[in-house]
C-alpha atoms as a PDB file:
ATOM      1  CA  UNK A   1      97.444 120.521  98.049  1.00  0.00           C
ATOM      2  CA  UNK A   2      95.254 117.900  99.667  1.00  0.00           C
ATOM      3  CA  UNK A   3      96.701 114.739 101.092  1.00  0.00           C
ATOM      4  CA  UNK A   4      95.948 111.325  99.693  1.00  0.00           C
ATOM      5  CA  UNK A   5      96.004 107.880 101.194  1.00  0.00           C
ATOM      6  CA  UNK A   6      95.535 104.260 100.220  1.00  0.00           C
ATOM      7  CA  UNK A   7      93.287 102.071 102.282  1.00  0.00           C
ATOM      8  CA  UNK A   8      91.366  98.856 101.833  1.00  0.00           C
ATOM      9  CA  UNK A   9      88.309  98.217 104.025  1.00  0.00           C
ATOM     10  CA  UNK A  10      86.541  94.883 104.505  1.00  0.00           C
ATOM     11  CA  UNK A  11      83.666  94.379 102.064  1.00  0.00           C
ATOM     12  CA  UNK A  12      81.267  93.604 104.906  1.00  0.00           C
ATOM     13  CA  UNK A  13      81.938  97.012 106.447  1.00  0.00           C
ATOM     14  CA  UNK A  14      80.837  98.923 103.362  1.00  0.00           C
ATOM     15  CA  UNK A  15      77.695  98.912 101.295  1.00  0.00           C
ATOM     16  CA  UNK A  16      77.408  96.966  98.044  1.00  0.00           C
ATOM     17  CA  UNK A  17      78.063 100.105  95.986  1.00  0.00           C
ATOM     18  CA  UNK A  18      81.556 100.333  97.459  1.00  0.00           C
ATOM     19  CA  UNK A  19      82.435  96.652  97.071  1.00  0.00           C
ATOM     20  CA  UNK A  20      84.311  97.170  93.794  1.00  0.00           C
ATOM     21  CA  UNK A  21      86.485  99.880  95.361  1.00  0.00           C
ATOM     22  CA  UNK A  22      87.311  97.549  98.223  1.00  0.00           C
ATOM     23  CA  UNK A  23      88.690  94.841  95.974  1.00  0.00           C
ATOM     24  CA  UNK A  24      91.638  97.013  95.010  1.00  0.00           C
ATOM     25  CA  UNK A  25      93.692  99.647  96.742  1.00  0.00           C
ATOM     26  CA  UNK A  26      91.979 102.982  96.194  1.00  0.00           C
ATOM     27  CA  UNK A  27      93.721 106.322  96.336  1.00  0.00           C
ATOM     28  CA  UNK A  28      91.511 109.248  97.221  1.00  0.00           C
ATOM     29  CA  UNK A  29      91.992 112.986  97.186  1.00  0.00           C
ATOM     30  CA  UNK A  30      91.302 114.078 100.744  1.00  0.00           C
ATOM     31  CA  UNK A  31      90.472 117.744 101.243  1.00  0.00           C
ATOM     32  CA  UNK A  32      91.604 119.495 104.459  1.00  0.00           C
ATOM     33  CA  UNK A  33      88.156 119.346 106.121  1.00  0.00           C
ATOM     34  CA  UNK A  34      87.820 115.614 105.460  1.00  0.00           C
ATOM     35  CA  UNK A  35      91.400 115.067 106.580  1.00  0.00           C
ATOM     36  CA  UNK A  36      90.680 116.836 109.853  1.00  0.00           C
ATOM     37  CA  UNK A  37      87.500 114.781 110.349  1.00  0.00           C
ATOM     38  CA  UNK A  38      89.432 111.554 109.688  1.00  0.00           C
ATOM     39  CA  UNK A  39      92.103 112.651 112.146  1.00  0.00           C
ATOM     40  CA  UNK A  40      89.559 113.417 114.894  1.00  0.00           C
ATOM     41  CA  UNK A  41      87.651 110.178 114.309  1.00  0.00           C
ATOM     42  CA  UNK A  42      90.897 108.211 114.309  1.00  0.00           C
ATOM     43  CA  UNK A  43      91.940 109.727 117.636  1.00  0.00           C
ATOM     44  CA  UNK A  44      88.531 108.950 119.158  1.00  0.00           C
ATOM     45  CA  UNK A  45      88.708 105.327 117.957  1.00  0.00           C
ATOM     46  CA  UNK A  46      92.248 104.989 119.259  1.00  0.00           C
ATOM     47  CA  UNK A  47      91.299 106.494 122.632  1.00  0.00           C
ATOM     48  CA  UNK A  48      88.367 104.115 123.119  1.00  0.00           C
ATOM     49  CA  UNK A  49      90.281 101.028 122.038  1.00  0.00           C
ATOM     50  CA  UNK A  50      93.234 101.942 124.278  1.00  0.00           C
ATOM     51  CA  UNK A  51      90.761 102.325 127.128  1.00  0.00           C
ATOM     52  CA  UNK A  52      89.473  98.819 126.393  1.00  0.00           C
ATOM     53  CA  UNK A  53      92.994  97.376 126.504  1.00  0.00           C
ATOM     54  CA  UNK A  54      93.771  99.050 129.827  1.00  0.00           C
ATOM     55  CA  UNK A  55      90.487  97.905 131.400  1.00  0.00           C
ATOM     56  CA  UNK A  56      90.825  94.328 130.205  1.00  0.00           C
ATOM     57  CA  UNK A  57      87.911  94.500 127.780  1.00  0.00           C
ATOM     58  CA  UNK A  58      85.315  92.489 129.746  1.00  0.00           C
ATOM     59  CA  UNK A  59      83.214  95.503 130.778  1.00  0.00           C
ATOM     60  CA  UNK A  60      83.057  96.671 127.177  1.00  0.00           C
ATOM     61  CA  UNK A  61      80.604  93.974 126.189  1.00  0.00           C
ATOM     62  CA  UNK A  62      78.057  95.268 128.705  1.00  0.00           C
ATOM     63  CA  UNK A  63      78.194  99.053 128.452  1.00  0.00           C
ATOM     64  CA  UNK A  64      77.919  99.895 124.750  1.00  0.00           C
ATOM     65  CA  UNK A  65      81.444 101.104 124.087  1.00  0.00           C
ATOM     66  CA  UNK A  66      81.924  98.443 121.407  1.00  0.00           C
ATOM     67  CA  UNK A  67      78.963  99.944 119.550  1.00  0.00           C
ATOM     68  CA  UNK A  68      80.494 103.405 119.985  1.00  0.00           C
ATOM     69  CA  UNK A  69      83.744 102.248 118.376  1.00  0.00           C
ATOM     70  CA  UNK A  70      81.805 100.568 115.545  1.00  0.00           C
ATOM     71  CA  UNK A  71      79.827 103.777 114.967  1.00  0.00           C
ATOM     72  CA  UNK A  72      83.014 105.872 114.873  1.00  0.00           C
ATOM     73  CA  UNK A  73      84.613 103.408 112.450  1.00  0.00           C
ATOM     74  CA  UNK A  74      81.542 103.531 110.187  1.00  0.00           C
ATOM     75  CA  UNK A  75      81.664 107.338 110.189  1.00  0.00           C
ATOM     76  CA  UNK A  76      85.393 107.188 109.408  1.00  0.00           C
ATOM     77  CA  UNK A  77      84.710 104.959 106.376  1.00  0.00           C
ATOM     78  CA  UNK A  78      81.834 107.201 105.296  1.00  0.00           C
ATOM     79  CA  UNK A  79      84.049 110.321 105.322  1.00  0.00           C
ATOM     80  CA  UNK A  80      86.856 108.482 103.516  1.00  0.00           C
ATOM     81  CA  UNK A  81      84.605 106.975 100.838  1.00  0.00           C
ATOM     82  CA  UNK A  82      83.004 110.382 100.197  1.00  0.00           C
ATOM     83  CA  UNK A  83      86.376 111.710  99.004  1.00  0.00           C
ATOM     84  CA  UNK A  84      86.883 111.493  95.217  1.00  0.00           C
ATOM     85  CA  UNK A  85      88.985 108.652  93.863  1.00  0.00           C
ATOM     86  CA  UNK A  86      92.242 109.481  92.145  1.00  0.00           C
ATOM     87  CA  UNK A  87      92.950 107.786  88.808  1.00  0.00           C
ATOM     88  CA  UNK A  88      95.739 105.232  88.738  1.00  0.00           C
ATOM     89  CA  UNK A  89      98.901 105.872  86.740  1.00  0.00           C
ATOM     90  CA  UNK A  90      97.664 103.479  84.040  1.00  0.00           C
ATOM     91  CA  UNK A  91      94.335 105.320  83.828  1.00  0.00           C
ATOM     92  CA  UNK A  92      96.101 108.697  83.516  1.00  0.00           C
ATOM     93  CA  UNK A  93      98.406 107.403  80.772  1.00  0.00           C
ATOM     94  CA  UNK A  94      95.468 105.817  78.944  1.00  0.00           C
ATOM     95  CA  UNK A  95      93.568 109.111  79.166  1.00  0.00           C
ATOM     96  CA  UNK A  96      96.583 111.061  77.865  1.00  0.00           C
ATOM     97  CA  UNK A  97      97.036 108.690  74.929  1.00  0.00           C
ATOM     98  CA  UNK A  98      93.326 108.748  74.156  1.00  0.00           C
ATOM     99  CA  UNK A  99      93.314 112.563  74.159  1.00  0.00           C
ATOM    100  CA  UNK A 100      96.250 112.708  71.742  1.00  0.00           C
ATOM    101  CA  UNK A 101      94.718 110.190  69.332  1.00  0.00           C
ATOM    102  CA  UNK A 102      91.286 111.826  69.254  1.00  0.00           C
END
């Protein structure tokens, strides 16, 4: 079975179509390929940010590594947001009740 996670991203980081999903915690069904991509992207982001901490961060503003981290983070959000949303417990109960009444 695929893993799921809950994450909230800043509205400014996502497009307007994703703004409503950002306002609440969204659970998504993450397939193994997407999970692996998220894991690899997360490790790359962590590696670059750790490198920044160890170097003091001043050189980062000149050599483009900040943009690299921002690009990796955008790709991470893109992969995550492409995964289908899981219905909340209330939505599942409502759907069950609606199916029984109809």
